[in-house]
Amino acid sequence: MSAPFDWPALLRAGLQTLRLRPAEFWALTPAELSLMLGLDHCPLPMGRARFRELAARHPDQGPTP
């Protein structure tokens, strides 16, 4: 189950930060709003290849005797 959507924060971002009119805010798609807020620059989750690279570079150590 995902976290509840934070409508008050989203409305503040659209109306106060971006200075959109209510009709403009409600006409946006989530992708458009995300782009306008600069949220599209978030890093992607680590992929399997990067995980394997890190695991090879930093292997787990066995238990200490």
C-alpha atoms as a PDB file:
ATOM      1  CA  MET A   1       0.000   0.000   0.000  1.00  0.00           C
ATOM      2  CA  SER A   2       1.395   3.412  -0.910  1.00  0.00           C
ATOM      3  CA  ALA A   3       1.560   6.435   1.353  1.00  0.00           C
ATOM      4  CA  PRO A   4      -1.363   8.887   1.328  1.00  0.00           C
ATOM      5  CA  PHE A   5      -1.087  11.650  -1.241  1.00  0.00           C
ATOM      6  CA  ASP A   6      -0.080  14.990   0.336  1.00  0.00           C
ATOM      7  CA  TRP A   7      -2.612  17.276  -1.361  1.00  0.00           C
ATOM      8  CA  PRO A   8      -1.915  20.332   0.842  1.00  0.00           C
ATOM      9  CA  ALA A   9       1.794  20.264  -0.027  1.00  0.00           C
ATOM     10  CA  LEU A  10       1.047  19.725  -3.703  1.00  0.00           C
ATOM     11  CA  LEU A  11      -1.415  22.608  -3.783  1.00  0.00           C
ATOM     12  CA  ARG A  12       1.070  24.883  -1.976  1.00  0.00           C
ATOM     13  CA  ALA A  13       3.758  23.979  -4.498  1.00  0.00           C
ATOM     14  CA  GLY A  14       1.465  24.668  -7.436  1.00  0.00           C
ATOM     15  CA  LEU A  15      -0.279  27.797  -6.199  1.00  0.00           C
ATOM     16  CA  GLN A  16       2.428  29.446  -4.093  1.00  0.00           C
ATOM     17  CA  THR A  17       5.726  28.214  -5.501  1.00  0.00           C
ATOM     18  CA  LEU A  18       4.770  28.022  -9.171  1.00  0.00           C
ATOM     19  CA  ARG A  19       2.176  30.817  -8.850  1.00  0.00           C
ATOM     20  CA  LEU A  20      -0.382  28.940 -10.937  1.00  0.00           C
ATOM     21  CA  ARG A  21      -4.052  29.854 -10.964  1.00  0.00           C
ATOM     22  CA  PRO A  22      -6.295  27.082  -9.604  1.00  0.00           C
ATOM     23  CA  ALA A  23      -7.643  26.274 -13.084  1.00  0.00           C
ATOM     24  CA  GLU A  24      -4.081  25.994 -14.418  1.00  0.00           C
ATOM     25  CA  PHE A  25      -3.064  23.745 -11.531  1.00  0.00           C
ATOM     26  CA  TRP A  26      -5.988  21.357 -11.978  1.00  0.00           C
ATOM     27  CA  ALA A  27      -5.456  21.220 -15.755  1.00  0.00           C
ATOM     28  CA  LEU A  28      -1.921  19.846 -15.358  1.00  0.00           C
ATOM     29  CA  THR A  29      -1.090  16.184 -15.619  1.00  0.00           C
ATOM     30  CA  PRO A  30       1.057  14.687 -12.836  1.00  0.00           C
ATOM     31  CA  ALA A  31       3.953  14.443 -15.301  1.00  0.00           C
ATOM     32  CA  GLU A  32       3.683  18.136 -16.204  1.00  0.00           C
ATOM     33  CA  LEU A  33       3.537  19.197 -12.558  1.00  0.00           C
ATOM     34  CA  SER A  34       6.511  16.986 -11.709  1.00  0.00           C
ATOM     35  CA  LEU A  35       8.511  18.548 -14.535  1.00  0.00           C
ATOM     36  CA  MET A  36       7.579  22.090 -13.468  1.00  0.00           C
ATOM     37  CA  LEU A  37       8.610  21.359  -9.864  1.00  0.00           C
ATOM     38  CA  GLY A  38      11.933  19.871 -10.986  1.00  0.00           C
ATOM     39  CA  LEU A  39      11.111  16.433  -9.623  1.00  0.00           C
ATOM     40  CA  ASP A  40      12.069  14.730 -12.872  1.00  0.00           C
ATOM     41  CA  HIS A  41      15.755  15.011 -11.963  1.00  0.00           C
ATOM     42  CA  CYS A  42      15.524  12.480  -9.138  1.00  0.00           C
ATOM     43  CA  PRO A  43      18.057   9.675  -9.471  1.00  0.00           C
ATOM     44  CA  LEU A  44      16.763   6.337 -10.642  1.00  0.00           C
ATOM     45  CA  PRO A  45      16.852   3.350  -8.291  1.00  0.00           C
ATOM     46  CA  MET A  46      20.030   1.287  -8.395  1.00  0.00           C
ATOM     47  CA  GLY A  47      19.951  -1.335 -11.113  1.00  0.00           C
ATOM     48  CA  ARG A  48      21.133  -4.911 -10.835  1.00  0.00           C
ATOM     49  CA  ALA A  49      24.353  -4.258 -12.764  1.00  0.00           C
ATOM     50  CA  ARG A  50      25.355  -1.388 -10.452  1.00  0.00           C
ATOM     51  CA  PHE A  51      24.515  -3.491  -7.380  1.00  0.00           C
ATOM     52  CA  ARG A  52      26.715  -6.339  -8.617  1.00  0.00           C
ATOM     53  CA  GLU A  53      29.521  -3.883  -9.351  1.00  0.00           C
ATOM     54  CA  LEU A  54      29.356  -2.509  -5.814  1.00  0.00           C
ATOM     55  CA  ALA A  55      29.083  -5.987  -4.290  1.00  0.00           C
ATOM     56  CA  ALA A  56      32.206  -7.097  -6.177  1.00  0.00           C
ATOM     57  CA  ARG A  57      34.083  -3.988  -5.101  1.00  0.00           C
ATOM     58  CA  HIS A  58      32.996  -4.281  -1.447  1.00  0.00           C
ATOM     59  CA  PRO A  59      32.403  -7.975  -0.668  1.00  0.00           C
ATOM     60  CA  ASP A  60      30.833  -9.018   2.610  1.00  0.00           C
ATOM     61  CA  GLN A  61      33.317 -10.335   5.130  1.00  0.00           C
ATOM     62  CA  GLY A  62      32.763 -13.628   6.850  1.00  0.00           C
ATOM     63  CA  PRO A  63      32.086 -13.819  10.575  1.00  0.00           C
ATOM     64  CA  THR A  64      34.945 -12.827  12.836  1.00  0.00           C
ATOM     65  CA  PRO A  65      36.315 -15.794  14.857  1.00  0.00           C
END
